[in-house]
Amino acid sequence: MRTQLPNWRFLVDHIIDKVWEYIDELDMWDDRTTLWVDAEQASVILGEDGKTYPGEPKPVEELITTGEDGRKEPNVDAIEEFAYGWFDFRQV
């Protein structure tokens, strides 16, 4: 478990970066853009609709929320929950 927490945090941060990339370039991406996460390789890719990439797909729109000021931003809670899928933090 000692290495899992830093690895989970790294993955969460990487996903957040990709979600910000999507938001910043929103006019360049299709609204069906998928985020592909390969946790074993620490790879996070914004994928074009209809293409497949290594890892597990997740529609990027599911990882976005609207802030109090009305602007889109990463939904950190949803991203953290999604990243939990690759780690086991239960203690014996």
PDB file of N, CA and C in Angstrom:
ATOM      1  N   MET A   1       0.814  -1.187   0.000  1.00  0.00           N
ATOM      2  CA  MET A   1       0.000   0.000   0.000  1.00  0.00           C
ATOM      3  C   MET A   1       0.864   1.259   0.000  1.00  0.00           C
ATOM      4  N   ARG A   2       2.052   1.134   0.485  1.00  0.00           N
ATOM      5  CA  ARG A   2       2.934   2.293   0.606  1.00  0.00           C
ATOM      6  C   ARG A   2       3.183   2.965  -0.744  1.00  0.00           C
ATOM      7  N   THR A   3       3.315   2.186  -1.808  1.00  0.00           N
ATOM      8  CA  THR A   3       3.555   2.788  -3.126  1.00  0.00           C
ATOM      9  C   THR A   3       2.251   3.068  -3.875  1.00  0.00           C
ATOM     10  N   GLN A   4       1.159   2.471  -3.437  1.00  0.00           N
ATOM     11  CA  GLN A   4      -0.091   2.655  -4.156  1.00  0.00           C
ATOM     12  C   GLN A   4      -0.606   4.089  -4.103  1.00  0.00           C
ATOM     13  N   LEU A   5      -0.523   4.717  -2.938  1.00  0.00           N
ATOM     14  CA  LEU A   5      -1.050   6.064  -2.801  1.00  0.00           C
ATOM     15  C   LEU A   5      -0.333   7.059  -3.724  1.00  0.00           C
ATOM     16  N   PRO A   6       1.010   7.069  -3.751  1.00  0.00           N
ATOM     17  CA  PRO A   6       1.674   7.977  -4.700  1.00  0.00           C
ATOM     18  C   PRO A   6       1.351   7.634  -6.161  1.00  0.00           C
ATOM     19  N   ASN A   7       1.241   6.349  -6.478  1.00  0.00           N
ATOM     20  CA  ASN A   7       0.898   5.952  -7.844  1.00  0.00           C
ATOM     21  C   ASN A   7      -0.519   6.383  -8.207  1.00  0.00           C
ATOM     22  N   TRP A   8      -1.443   6.249  -7.256  1.00  0.00           N
ATOM     23  CA  TRP A   8      -2.822   6.690  -7.478  1.00  0.00           C
ATOM     24  C   TRP A   8      -2.853   8.202  -7.691  1.00  0.00           C
ATOM     25  N   ARG A   9      -2.134   8.935  -6.858  1.00  0.00           N
ATOM     26  CA  ARG A   9      -2.101  10.405  -6.974  1.00  0.00           C
ATOM     27  C   ARG A   9      -1.528  10.818  -8.323  1.00  0.00           C
ATOM     28  N   PHE A  10      -0.466  10.125  -8.768  1.00  0.00           N
ATOM     29  CA  PHE A  10       0.141  10.406 -10.067  1.00  0.00           C
ATOM     30  C   PHE A  10      -0.890  10.199 -11.179  1.00  0.00           C
ATOM     31  N   LEU A  11      -1.630   9.103 -11.105  1.00  0.00           N
ATOM     32  CA  LEU A  11      -2.640   8.813 -12.118  1.00  0.00           C
ATOM     33  C   LEU A  11      -3.744   9.870 -12.099  1.00  0.00           C
ATOM     34  N   VAL A  12      -4.221  10.210 -10.912  1.00  0.00           N
ATOM     35  CA  VAL A  12      -5.256  11.244 -10.784  1.00  0.00           C
ATOM     36  C   VAL A  12      -4.772  12.553 -11.399  1.00  0.00           C
ATOM     37  N   ASP A  13      -3.566  12.970 -11.074  1.00  0.00           N
ATOM     38  CA  ASP A  13      -3.024  14.218 -11.615  1.00  0.00           C
ATOM     39  C   ASP A  13      -2.905  14.172 -13.135  1.00  0.00           C
ATOM     40  N   HIS A  14      -2.503  13.028 -13.655  1.00  0.00           N
ATOM     41  CA  HIS A  14      -2.354  12.872 -15.110  1.00  0.00           C
ATOM     42  C   HIS A  14      -3.725  12.954 -15.799  1.00  0.00           C
ATOM     43  N   ILE A  15      -4.730  12.341 -15.199  1.00  0.00           N
ATOM     44  CA  ILE A  15      -6.085  12.412 -15.755  1.00  0.00           C
ATOM     45  C   ILE A  15      -6.591  13.857 -15.715  1.00  0.00           C
ATOM     46  N   ILE A  16      -6.380  14.538 -14.588  1.00  0.00           N
ATOM     47  CA  ILE A  16      -6.799  15.937 -14.472  1.00  0.00           C
ATOM     48  C   ILE A  16      -6.138  16.782 -15.559  1.00  0.00           C
ATOM     49  N   ASP A  17      -4.849  16.567 -15.798  1.00  0.00           N
ATOM     50  CA  ASP A  17      -4.154  17.312 -16.858  1.00  0.00           C
ATOM     51  C   ASP A  17      -4.802  17.092 -18.223  1.00  0.00           C
ATOM     52  N   LYS A  18      -5.166  15.851 -18.517  1.00  0.00           N
ATOM     53  CA  LYS A  18      -5.784  15.549 -19.814  1.00  0.00           C
ATOM     54  C   LYS A  18      -7.189  16.144 -19.921  1.00  0.00           C
ATOM     55  N   VAL A  19      -7.916  16.147 -18.814  1.00  0.00           N
ATOM     56  CA  VAL A  19      -9.250  16.758 -18.826  1.00  0.00           C
ATOM     57  C   VAL A  19      -9.117  18.264 -19.055  1.00  0.00           C
ATOM     58  N   TRP A  20      -8.146  18.920 -18.417  1.00  0.00           N
ATOM     59  CA  TRP A  20      -7.903  20.342 -18.669  1.00  0.00           C
ATOM     60  C   TRP A  20      -7.527  20.557 -20.135  1.00  0.00           C
ATOM     61  N   GLU A  21      -6.710  19.677 -20.690  1.00  0.00           N
ATOM     62  CA  GLU A  21      -6.336  19.791 -22.107  1.00  0.00           C
ATOM     63  C   GLU A  21      -7.580  19.755 -22.979  1.00  0.00           C
ATOM     64  N   TYR A  22      -8.482  18.831 -22.687  1.00  0.00           N
ATOM     65  CA  TYR A  22      -9.735  18.730 -23.434  1.00  0.00           C
ATOM     66  C   TYR A  22     -10.549  20.020 -23.303  1.00  0.00           C
ATOM     67  N   ILE A  23     -10.697  20.516 -22.074  1.00  0.00           N
ATOM     68  CA  ILE A  23     -11.478  21.728 -21.832  1.00  0.00           C
ATOM     69  C   ILE A  23     -10.847  22.923 -22.553  1.00  0.00           C
ATOM     70  N   ASP A  24      -9.526  23.049 -22.468  1.00  0.00           N
ATOM     71  CA  ASP A  24      -8.827  24.180 -23.090  1.00  0.00           C
ATOM     72  C   ASP A  24      -8.933  24.163 -24.610  1.00  0.00           C
ATOM     73  N   GLU A  25      -9.075  22.981 -25.190  1.00  0.00           N
ATOM     74  CA  GLU A  25      -9.148  22.842 -26.643  1.00  0.00           C
ATOM     75  C   GLU A  25     -10.512  22.316 -27.068  1.00  0.00           C
ATOM     76  N   LEU A  26     -11.536  22.684 -26.324  1.00  0.00           N
ATOM     77  CA  LEU A  26     -12.881  22.139 -26.510  1.00  0.00           C
ATOM     78  C   LEU A  26     -13.373  22.238 -27.946  1.00  0.00           C
ATOM     79  N   ASP A  27     -13.058  23.319 -28.622  1.00  0.00           N
ATOM     80  CA  ASP A  27     -13.526  23.496 -29.996  1.00  0.00           C
ATOM     81  C   ASP A  27     -12.837  22.554 -30.980  1.00  0.00           C
ATOM     82  N   MET A  28     -11.759  21.916 -30.563  1.00  0.00           N
ATOM     83  CA  MET A  28     -11.028  20.988 -31.436  1.00  0.00           C
ATOM     84  C   MET A  28     -11.468  19.539 -31.253  1.00  0.00           C
ATOM     85  N   TRP A  29     -12.214  19.245 -30.176  1.00  0.00           N
ATOM     86  CA  TRP A  29     -12.585  17.871 -29.855  1.00  0.00           C
ATOM     87  C   TRP A  29     -14.063  17.628 -30.100  1.00  0.00           C
ATOM     88  N   ASP A  30     -14.385  16.421 -30.464  1.00  0.00           N
ATOM     89  CA  ASP A  30     -15.762  15.968 -30.610  1.00  0.00           C
ATOM     90  C   ASP A  30     -16.347  15.783 -29.207  1.00  0.00           C
ATOM     91  N   ASP A  31     -17.659  15.975 -29.054  1.00  0.00           N
ATOM     92  CA  ASP A  31     -18.257  15.820 -27.727  1.00  0.00           C
ATOM     93  C   ASP A  31     -18.329  14.360 -27.284  1.00  0.00           C
ATOM     94  N   ARG A  32     -17.962  13.440 -28.160  1.00  0.00           N
ATOM     95  CA  ARG A  32     -17.906  12.019 -27.799  1.00  0.00           C
ATOM     96  C   ARG A  32     -16.466  11.560 -27.573  1.00  0.00           C
ATOM     97  N   THR A  33     -15.582  12.491 -27.332  1.00  0.00           N
ATOM     98  CA  THR A  33     -14.180  12.166 -27.086  1.00  0.00           C
ATOM     99  C   THR A  33     -14.062  11.281 -25.847  1.00  0.00           C
ATOM    100  N   THR A  34     -13.192  10.305 -25.940  1.00  0.00           N
ATOM    101  CA  THR A  34     -13.009   9.342 -24.859  1.00  0.00           C
ATOM    102  C   THR A  34     -11.607   9.468 -24.278  1.00  0.00           C
ATOM    103  N   LEU A  35     -11.537   9.371 -22.979  1.00  0.00           N
ATOM    104  CA  LEU A  35     -10.264   9.343 -22.282  1.00  0.00           C
ATOM    105  C   LEU A  35      -9.885   7.874 -22.117  1.00  0.00           C
ATOM    106  N   TRP A  36      -8.684   7.506 -22.521  1.00  0.00           N
ATOM    107  CA  TRP A  36      -8.204   6.128 -22.401  1.00  0.00           C
ATOM    108  C   TRP A  36      -7.118   6.084 -21.342  1.00  0.00           C
ATOM    109  N   VAL A  37      -7.330   5.282 -20.317  1.00  0.00           N
ATOM    110  CA  VAL A  37      -6.386   5.213 -19.199  1.00  0.00           C
ATOM    111  C   VAL A  37      -5.800   3.809 -19.113  1.00  0.00           C
ATOM    112  N   ASP A  38      -4.488   3.736 -19.226  1.00  0.00           N
ATOM    113  CA  ASP A  38      -3.747   2.492 -19.036  1.00  0.00           C
ATOM    114  C   ASP A  38      -2.873   2.702 -17.801  1.00  0.00           C
ATOM    115  N   ALA A  39      -3.406   2.346 -16.640  1.00  0.00           N
ATOM    116  CA  ALA A  39      -2.730   2.620 -15.368  1.00  0.00           C
ATOM    117  C   ALA A  39      -1.399   1.883 -15.253  1.00  0.00           C
ATOM    118  N   GLU A  40      -1.313   0.690 -15.816  1.00  0.00           N
ATOM    119  CA  GLU A  40      -0.066  -0.067 -15.715  1.00  0.00           C
ATOM    120  C   GLU A  40       1.074   0.632 -16.434  1.00  0.00           C
ATOM    121  N   GLN A  41       0.765   1.325 -17.506  1.00  0.00           N
ATOM    122  CA  GLN A  41       1.779   2.050 -18.270  1.00  0.00           C
ATOM    123  C   GLN A  41       1.810   3.535 -17.915  1.00  0.00           C
ATOM    124  N   ALA A  42       0.943   3.940 -16.988  1.00  0.00           N
ATOM    125  CA  ALA A  42       0.805   5.354 -16.597  1.00  0.00           C
ATOM    126  C   ALA A  42       0.528   6.222 -17.824  1.00  0.00           C
ATOM    127  N   SER A  43      -0.371   5.729 -18.671  1.00  0.00           N
ATOM    128  CA  SER A  43      -0.700   6.401 -19.919  1.00  0.00           C
ATOM    129  C   SER A  43      -2.147   6.888 -19.897  1.00  0.00           C
ATOM    130  N   VAL A  44      -2.336   8.153 -20.241  1.00  0.00           N
ATOM    131  CA  VAL A  44      -3.668   8.730 -20.357  1.00  0.00           C
ATOM    132  C   VAL A  44      -3.724   9.444 -21.699  1.00  0.00           C
ATOM    133  N   ILE A  45      -4.693   9.041 -22.536  1.00  0.00           N
ATOM    134  CA  ILE A  45      -4.786   9.558 -23.902  1.00  0.00           C
ATOM    135  C   ILE A  45      -6.189  10.092 -24.141  1.00  0.00           C
ATOM    136  N   LEU A  46      -6.275  11.251 -24.787  1.00  0.00           N
ATOM    137  CA  LEU A  46      -7.552  11.736 -25.294  1.00  0.00           C
ATOM    138  C   LEU A  46      -7.722  11.118 -26.670  1.00  0.00           C
ATOM    139  N   GLY A  47      -8.734  10.291 -26.821  1.00  0.00           N
ATOM    140  CA  GLY A  47      -8.895   9.559 -28.069  1.00  0.00           C
ATOM    141  C   GLY A  47     -10.012  10.091 -28.933  1.00  0.00           C
ATOM    142  N   GLU A  48      -9.805  10.024 -30.227  1.00  0.00           N
ATOM    143  CA  GLU A  48     -10.820  10.431 -31.185  1.00  0.00           C
ATOM    144  C   GLU A  48     -11.943   9.407 -31.207  1.00  0.00           C
ATOM    145  N   ASP A  49     -13.152   9.879 -31.471  1.00  0.00           N
ATOM    146  CA  ASP A  49     -14.314   9.014 -31.523  1.00  0.00           C
ATOM    147  C   ASP A  49     -14.120   7.925 -32.582  1.00  0.00           C
ATOM    148  N   GLY A  50     -14.428   6.709 -32.211  1.00  0.00           N
ATOM    149  CA  GLY A  50     -14.344   5.593 -33.133  1.00  0.00           C
ATOM    150  C   GLY A  50     -13.000   4.885 -33.143  1.00  0.00           C
ATOM    151  N   LYS A  51     -11.996   5.447 -32.523  1.00  0.00           N
ATOM    152  CA  LYS A  51     -10.678   4.813 -32.463  1.00  0.00           C
ATOM    153  C   LYS A  51     -10.499   4.167 -31.097  1.00  0.00           C
ATOM    154  N   THR A  52      -9.668   3.138 -31.053  1.00  0.00           N
ATOM    155  CA  THR A  52      -9.373   2.489 -29.780  1.00  0.00           C
ATOM    156  C   THR A  52      -7.891   2.665 -29.450  1.00  0.00           C
ATOM    157  N   TYR A  53      -7.621   2.714 -28.177  1.00  0.00           N
ATOM    158  CA  TYR A  53      -6.278   2.920 -27.669  1.00  0.00           C
ATOM    159  C   TYR A  53      -6.064   1.936 -26.529  1.00  0.00           C
ATOM    160  N   PRO A  54      -4.825   1.781 -26.059  1.00  0.00           N
ATOM    161  CA  PRO A  54      -4.591   0.887 -24.918  1.00  0.00           C
ATOM    162  C   PRO A  54      -5.259   1.430 -23.655  1.00  0.00           C
ATOM    163  N   GLY A  55      -5.791   0.539 -22.853  1.00  0.00           N
ATOM    164  CA  GLY A  55      -6.351   0.930 -21.576  1.00  0.00           C
ATOM    165  C   GLY A  55      -7.862   0.867 -21.520  1.00  0.00           C
ATOM    166  N   GLU A  56      -8.406   1.484 -20.490  1.00  0.00           N
ATOM    167  CA  GLU A  56      -9.852   1.493 -20.260  1.00  0.00           C
ATOM    168  C   GLU A  56     -10.442   2.830 -20.714  1.00  0.00           C
ATOM    169  N   PRO A  57     -11.508   2.784 -21.519  1.00  0.00           N
ATOM    170  CA  PRO A  57     -12.103   4.033 -21.996  1.00  0.00           C
ATOM    171  C   PRO A  57     -13.088   4.628 -21.000  1.00  0.00           C
ATOM    172  N   LYS A  58     -13.187   5.946 -21.035  1.00  0.00           N
ATOM    173  CA  LYS A  58     -14.152   6.676 -20.211  1.00  0.00           C
ATOM    174  C   LYS A  58     -14.516   7.947 -20.982  1.00  0.00           C
ATOM    175  N   PRO A  59     -15.808   8.183 -21.232  1.00  0.00           N
ATOM    176  CA  PRO A  59     -16.176   9.445 -21.896  1.00  0.00           C
ATOM    177  C   PRO A  59     -15.674  10.629 -21.070  1.00  0.00           C
ATOM    178  N   VAL A  60     -14.912  11.501 -21.684  1.00  0.00           N
ATOM    179  CA  VAL A  60     -14.299  12.603 -20.946  1.00  0.00           C
ATOM    180  C   VAL A  60     -15.354  13.529 -20.345  1.00  0.00           C
ATOM    181  N   GLU A  61     -16.514  13.641 -20.965  1.00  0.00           N
ATOM    182  CA  GLU A  61     -17.585  14.496 -20.431  1.00  0.00           C
ATOM    183  C   GLU A  61     -18.046  14.036 -19.048  1.00  0.00           C
ATOM    184  N   GLU A  62     -17.873  12.744 -18.730  1.00  0.00           N
ATOM    185  CA  GLU A  62     -18.248  12.232 -17.415  1.00  0.00           C
ATOM    186  C   GLU A  62     -17.283  12.687 -16.322  1.00  0.00           C
ATOM    187  N   LEU A  63     -16.160  13.261 -16.716  1.00  0.00           N
ATOM    188  CA  LEU A  63     -15.148  13.698 -15.768  1.00  0.00           C
ATOM    189  C   LEU A  63     -15.061  15.224 -15.695  1.00  0.00           C
ATOM    190  N   ILE A  64     -16.101  15.888 -16.191  1.00  0.00           N
ATOM    191  CA  ILE A  64     -16.149  17.350 -16.212  1.00  0.00           C
ATOM    192  C   ILE A  64     -17.366  17.822 -15.436  1.00  0.00           C
ATOM    193  N   THR A  65     -17.204  18.916 -14.737  1.00  0.00           N
ATOM    194  CA  THR A  65     -18.302  19.556 -14.030  1.00  0.00           C
ATOM    195  C   THR A  65     -18.286  21.043 -14.370  1.00  0.00           C
ATOM    196  N   THR A  66     -19.340  21.727 -13.992  1.00  0.00           N
ATOM    197  CA  THR A  66     -19.402  23.173 -14.188  1.00  0.00           C
ATOM    198  C   THR A  66     -19.195  23.848 -12.841  1.00  0.00           C
ATOM    199  N   GLY A  67     -18.221  24.738 -12.787  1.00  0.00           N
ATOM    200  CA  GLY A  67     -17.902  25.435 -11.547  1.00  0.00           C
ATOM    201  C   GLY A  67     -18.937  26.494 -11.210  1.00  0.00           C
ATOM    202  N   GLU A  68     -18.782  27.093 -10.054  1.00  0.00           N
ATOM    203  CA  GLU A  68     -19.709  28.121  -9.598  1.00  0.00           C
ATOM    204  C   GLU A  68     -19.749  29.316 -10.544  1.00  0.00           C
ATOM    205  N   ASP A  69     -18.650  29.570 -11.227  1.00  0.00           N
ATOM    206  CA  ASP A  69     -18.594  30.697 -12.158  1.00  0.00           C
ATOM    207  C   ASP A  69     -19.129  30.342 -13.546  1.00  0.00           C
ATOM    208  N   GLY A  70     -19.617  29.105 -13.714  1.00  0.00           N
ATOM    209  CA  GLY A  70     -20.204  28.679 -14.983  1.00  0.00           C
ATOM    210  C   GLY A  70     -19.228  28.085 -15.978  1.00  0.00           C
ATOM    211  N   ARG A  71     -17.959  28.040 -15.619  1.00  0.00           N
ATOM    212  CA  ARG A  71     -16.969  27.465 -16.528  1.00  0.00           C
ATOM    213  C   ARG A  71     -16.771  25.981 -16.250  1.00  0.00           C
ATOM    214  N   LYS A  72     -16.416  25.253 -17.308  1.00  0.00           N
ATOM    215  CA  LYS A  72     -16.147  23.820 -17.161  1.00  0.00           C
ATOM    216  C   LYS A  72     -14.804  23.630 -16.464  1.00  0.00           C
ATOM    217  N   GLU A  73     -14.747  22.561 -15.653  1.00  0.00           N
ATOM    218  CA  GLU A  73     -13.516  22.209 -14.950  1.00  0.00           C
ATOM    219  C   GLU A  73     -13.542  20.710 -14.668  1.00  0.00           C
ATOM    220  N   PRO A  74     -12.366  20.123 -14.405  1.00  0.00           N
ATOM    221  CA  PRO A  74     -12.329  18.694 -14.080  1.00  0.00           C
ATOM    222  C   PRO A  74     -13.146  18.404 -12.821  1.00  0.00           C
ATOM    223  N   ASN A  75     -13.881  17.297 -12.851  1.00  0.00           N
ATOM    224  CA  ASN A  75     -14.629  16.829 -11.687  1.00  0.00           C
ATOM    225  C   ASN A  75     -13.677  15.923 -10.895  1.00  0.00           C
ATOM    226  N   VAL A  76     -12.976  16.520  -9.947  1.00  0.00           N
ATOM    227  CA  VAL A  76     -11.920  15.801  -9.223  1.00  0.00           C
ATOM    228  C   VAL A  76     -12.488  14.591  -8.484  1.00  0.00           C
ATOM    229  N   ASP A  77     -13.673  14.715  -7.892  1.00  0.00           N
ATOM    230  CA  ASP A  77     -14.262  13.566  -7.191  1.00  0.00           C
ATOM    231  C   ASP A  77     -14.488  12.393  -8.140  1.00  0.00           C
ATOM    232  N   ALA A  78     -15.030  12.664  -9.322  1.00  0.00           N
ATOM    233  CA  ALA A  78     -15.275  11.599 -10.295  1.00  0.00           C
ATOM    234  C   ALA A  78     -13.962  11.008 -10.805  1.00  0.00           C
ATOM    235  N   ILE A  79     -12.963  11.849 -10.982  1.00  0.00           N
ATOM    236  CA  ILE A  79     -11.651  11.376 -11.446  1.00  0.00           C
ATOM    237  C   ILE A  79     -11.000  10.495 -10.387  1.00  0.00           C
ATOM    238  N   GLU A  80     -11.050  10.917  -9.129  1.00  0.00           N
ATOM    239  CA  GLU A  80     -10.466  10.107  -8.060  1.00  0.00           C
ATOM    240  C   GLU A  80     -11.177   8.764  -7.946  1.00  0.00           C
ATOM    241  N   GLU A  81     -12.494   8.777  -8.041  1.00  0.00           N
ATOM    242  CA  GLU A  81     -13.257   7.524  -7.968  1.00  0.00           C
ATOM    243  C   GLU A  81     -12.915   6.602  -9.132  1.00  0.00           C
ATOM    244  N   PHE A  82     -12.795   7.162 -10.322  1.00  0.00           N
ATOM    245  CA  PHE A  82     -12.419   6.386 -11.501  1.00  0.00           C
ATOM    246  C   PHE A  82     -11.033   5.762 -11.310  1.00  0.00           C
ATOM    247  N   ALA A  83     -10.088   6.538 -10.780  1.00  0.00           N
ATOM    248  CA  ALA A  83      -8.722   6.043 -10.586  1.00  0.00           C
ATOM    249  C   ALA A  83      -8.637   4.982  -9.494  1.00  0.00           C
ATOM    250  N   TYR A  84      -9.559   5.003  -8.537  1.00  0.00           N
ATOM    251  CA  TYR A  84      -9.565   3.975  -7.487  1.00  0.00           C
ATOM    252  C   TYR A  84      -9.668   2.564  -8.069  1.00  0.00           C
ATOM    253  N   GLY A  85     -10.240   2.442  -9.244  1.00  0.00           N
ATOM    254  CA  GLY A  85     -10.442   1.138  -9.857  1.00  0.00           C
ATOM    255  C   GLY A  85      -9.166   0.339 -10.068  1.00  0.00           C
ATOM    256  N   TRP A  86      -8.032   0.997 -10.081  1.00  0.00           N
ATOM    257  CA  TRP A  86      -6.764   0.296 -10.311  1.00  0.00           C
ATOM    258  C   TRP A  86      -5.978   0.050  -9.031  1.00  0.00           C
ATOM    259  N   PHE A  87      -6.505   0.488  -7.895  1.00  0.00           N
ATOM    260  CA  PHE A  87      -5.759   0.381  -6.645  1.00  0.00           C
ATOM    261  C   PHE A  87      -6.634  -0.212  -5.555  1.00  0.00           C
ATOM    262  N   ASP A  88      -5.984  -0.869  -4.601  1.00  0.00           N
ATOM    263  CA  ASP A  88      -6.686  -1.465  -3.478  1.00  0.00           C
ATOM    264  C   ASP A  88      -6.108  -0.876  -2.193  1.00  0.00           C
ATOM    265  N   PHE A  89      -6.886   0.006  -1.572  1.00  0.00           N
ATOM    266  CA  PHE A  89      -6.399   0.686  -0.372  1.00  0.00           C
ATOM    267  C   PHE A  89      -6.883   0.041   0.916  1.00  0.00           C
ATOM    268  N   ARG A  90      -7.498  -1.118   0.816  1.00  0.00           N
ATOM    269  CA  ARG A  90      -7.953  -1.819   2.038  1.00  0.00           C
ATOM    270  C   ARG A  90      -6.738  -2.255   2.840  1.00  0.00           C
ATOM    271  N   GLN A  91      -6.862  -2.138   4.138  1.00  0.00           N
ATOM    272  CA  GLN A  91      -5.777  -2.593   5.013  1.00  0.00           C
ATOM    273  C   GLN A  91      -6.180  -3.890   5.669  1.00  0.00           C
ATOM    274  N   VAL A  92      -5.245  -4.784   5.790  1.00  0.00           N
ATOM    275  CA  VAL A  92      -5.506  -6.091   6.392  1.00  0.00           C
ATOM    276  C   VAL A  92      -5.256  -6.018   7.873  1.00  0.00           C
TER     277      VAL A  92
END
